[in-house]
N, C-alpha and C. Protein backbone atom coordinates (compact mmCIF):
# COMPACT_ATOMS: atom_id res chain seq x y z
N MET A 1 -35.33 -4.66 10.83
CA MET A 1 -34.32 -5.23 11.04
C MET A 1 -33.82 -5.32 9.50
N GLY A 2 -34.72 -4.73 8.35
CA GLY A 2 -34.12 -4.35 6.82
C GLY A 2 -33.06 -3.17 6.72
N ILE A 3 -33.66 -2.29 8.10
CA ILE A 3 -32.80 -1.17 8.16
C ILE A 3 -31.73 -1.18 8.35
N LEU A 4 -31.60 -2.17 9.59
CA LEU A 4 -29.95 -2.48 10.25
C LEU A 4 -29.45 -3.04 9.07
N ALA A 5 -29.86 -4.15 8.36
CA ALA A 5 -29.04 -4.68 7.46
C ALA A 5 -28.80 -3.71 6.58
N PHE A 6 -29.11 -2.70 6.08
CA PHE A 6 -29.14 -1.68 5.31
C PHE A 6 -27.33 -1.05 5.86
N PHE A 7 -27.38 -0.46 6.95
CA PHE A 7 -26.52 0.09 7.68
C PHE A 7 -24.92 -0.95 7.73
N ILE A 8 -25.42 -1.94 8.05
CA ILE A 8 -24.49 -2.91 8.12
C ILE A 8 -23.56 -3.18 6.92
N ILE A 9 -24.43 -3.32 5.72
CA ILE A 9 -23.91 -3.52 4.74
C ILE A 9 -22.83 -2.25 4.16
N ILE A 10 -23.62 -1.04 4.42
CA ILE A 10 -22.95 0.24 4.00
C ILE A 10 -21.19 -0.03 4.97
N ALA A 11 -21.74 -0.65 6.16
CA ALA A 11 -20.21 -0.57 7.15
C ALA A 11 -19.39 -1.71 5.92
N GLY A 12 -19.55 -2.88 5.41
CA GLY A 12 -18.63 -3.46 5.21
C GLY A 12 -18.02 -2.94 3.93
N PHE A 13 -18.96 -2.32 2.90
CA PHE A 13 -18.23 -1.73 1.63
C PHE A 13 -17.30 -0.31 2.10
N ILE A 14 -17.93 0.16 3.42
CA ILE A 14 -16.21 0.75 3.74
C ILE A 14 -15.25 0.21 4.26
N VAL A 15 -15.44 -1.24 5.24
CA VAL A 15 -14.41 -1.82 5.28
C VAL A 15 -13.24 -2.30 4.24
N LEU A 16 -14.02 -2.60 3.23
CA LEU A 16 -13.55 -3.07 1.96
C LEU A 16 -12.86 -2.26 1.05
N ILE A 17 -13.54 -1.33 0.94
CA ILE A 17 -12.48 0.03 0.19
C ILE A 17 -11.25 0.39 1.38
N PHE A 18 -11.13 0.60 2.61
CA PHE A 18 -10.27 0.78 3.32
C PHE A 18 -9.01 -0.56 3.45
N GLY A 19 -9.95 -1.48 2.81
CA GLY A 19 -8.89 -2.69 3.32
C GLY A 19 -8.15 -2.36 1.58
N LEU A 20 -8.70 -2.41 0.92
CA LEU A 20 -8.29 -2.37 -0.68
C LEU A 20 -6.83 -1.30 -0.33
N PHE A 21 -7.39 0.08 0.09
CA PHE A 21 -6.37 0.80 -0.04
C PHE A 21 -5.21 0.72 0.76
N ILE A 22 -4.97 -0.02 1.80
CA ILE A 22 -4.10 -0.43 2.73
C ILE A 22 -3.42 -1.64 2.07
N SER A 23 -3.99 -2.46 1.01
CA SER A 23 -3.49 -3.48 0.31
C SER A 23 -2.85 -2.72 -0.71
N ALA A 24 -3.32 -2.01 -1.47
CA ALA A 24 -2.14 -1.05 -2.14
C ALA A 24 -1.24 -0.50 -1.64
N MET A 25 -1.64 -0.11 -0.90
CA MET A 25 -0.19 0.80 -0.26
C MET A 25 1.28 -0.77 0.39
N TRP A 26 0.27 -1.69 0.54
CA TRP A 26 1.35 -2.71 1.03
C TRP A 26 2.16 -3.37 -0.20
N ILE A 27 1.07 -3.80 -1.17
CA ILE A 27 1.88 -3.80 -2.26
C ILE A 27 3.15 -3.11 -3.25
N SER A 28 2.98 -1.63 -3.03
CA SER A 28 3.48 -0.83 -3.33
C SER A 28 4.81 -0.74 -3.03
N SER A 29 5.25 -0.59 -1.59
CA SER A 29 6.11 -0.71 -0.90
C SER A 29 7.07 -2.03 -0.77
N THR A 30 6.04 -3.43 -0.90
CA THR A 30 6.62 -4.27 -1.62
C THR A 30 7.60 -4.15 -2.72
N PHE A 31 7.38 -3.75 -3.26
CA PHE A 31 7.72 -3.66 -4.73
C PHE A 31 9.02 -2.35 -4.73
N ALA A 32 8.90 -1.64 -4.35
CA ALA A 32 9.87 -0.55 -3.77
C ALA A 32 10.96 -1.21 -2.76
N SER A 33 10.41 -1.69 -1.69
CA SER A 33 11.52 -2.61 -1.56
C SER A 33 12.26 -3.52 -2.03
N LEU A 34 11.74 -4.35 -3.13
CA LEU A 34 12.83 -4.94 -3.62
C LEU A 34 13.66 -4.42 -4.69
N TYR A 35 12.68 -3.39 -5.08
CA TYR A 35 13.83 -2.82 -6.39
C TYR A 35 14.75 -2.04 -5.42
N HIS A 36 14.87 -1.71 -4.21
CA HIS A 36 15.91 -1.38 -3.72
C HIS A 36 17.21 -2.32 -3.22
N ALA A 37 16.47 -3.25 -2.65
CA ALA A 37 17.33 -4.22 -2.99
C ALA A 37 18.24 -4.66 -4.09
N VAL A 38 17.62 -4.78 -4.83
CA VAL A 38 18.44 -5.22 -6.39
C VAL A 38 19.34 -4.28 -6.31
N LEU A 39 19.18 -2.95 -6.14
CA LEU A 39 19.87 -1.69 -6.70
C LEU A 39 21.24 -2.02 -5.44
N VAL A 40 21.29 -2.02 -4.44
CA VAL A 40 21.79 -2.50 -3.39
C VAL A 40 22.89 -3.70 -3.72
N GLU A 41 22.63 -4.67 -4.17
CA GLU A 41 22.88 -5.76 -4.40
C GLU A 41 23.78 -5.75 -5.54
N LYS A 42 23.51 -4.86 -6.66
CA LYS A 42 24.11 -4.86 -8.02
C LYS A 42 25.24 -3.16 -7.61
N GLY A 43 25.34 -2.69 -6.67
CA GLY A 43 26.50 -1.58 -6.36
C GLY A 43 25.74 -0.53 -7.20
N GLU A 44 24.34 -0.33 -7.34
CA GLU A 44 24.06 1.02 -7.87
C GLU A 44 23.06 1.98 -7.10
N TYR A 45 23.07 1.54 -6.24
CA TYR A 45 22.40 2.68 -5.34
C TYR A 45 23.21 3.63 -4.90
N VAL A 46 22.79 5.32 -5.43
CA VAL A 46 23.12 6.11 -4.98
C VAL A 46 22.27 6.87 -3.90
N VAL A 47 23.61 7.39 -2.68
CA VAL A 47 22.30 7.70 -1.77
C VAL A 47 22.51 9.33 -2.01
N PRO A 48 20.99 10.18 -2.17
CA PRO A 48 20.76 11.57 -2.41
C PRO A 48 21.46 11.92 -1.35
N ASN A 49 21.95 13.22 -1.84
CA ASN A 49 22.48 13.93 -0.94
C ASN A 49 21.98 15.54 -0.69
N GLY A 50 21.51 15.87 -1.88
CA GLY A 50 20.60 17.17 -1.85
C GLY A 50 21.42 18.24 -2.38
N ASN A 51 22.93 17.52 -2.81
CA ASN A 51 24.12 18.65 -3.94
C ASN A 51 23.88 18.41 -5.09
N GLN A 52 23.21 18.76 -5.71
CA GLN A 52 22.79 18.52 -7.09
C GLN A 52 22.97 19.81 -8.37
């Protein structure tokens, strides 16, 4: 039983790390969306066209 518990703990840590990674991406995309919405509302959003 002790060996099985060890593998369950390892699997739990893997899921925890994966969840932290997904949460960090989710939070970053939320801030990017908020920043974009503020720029659009203020009329300062410039559409990039590649010709600089």
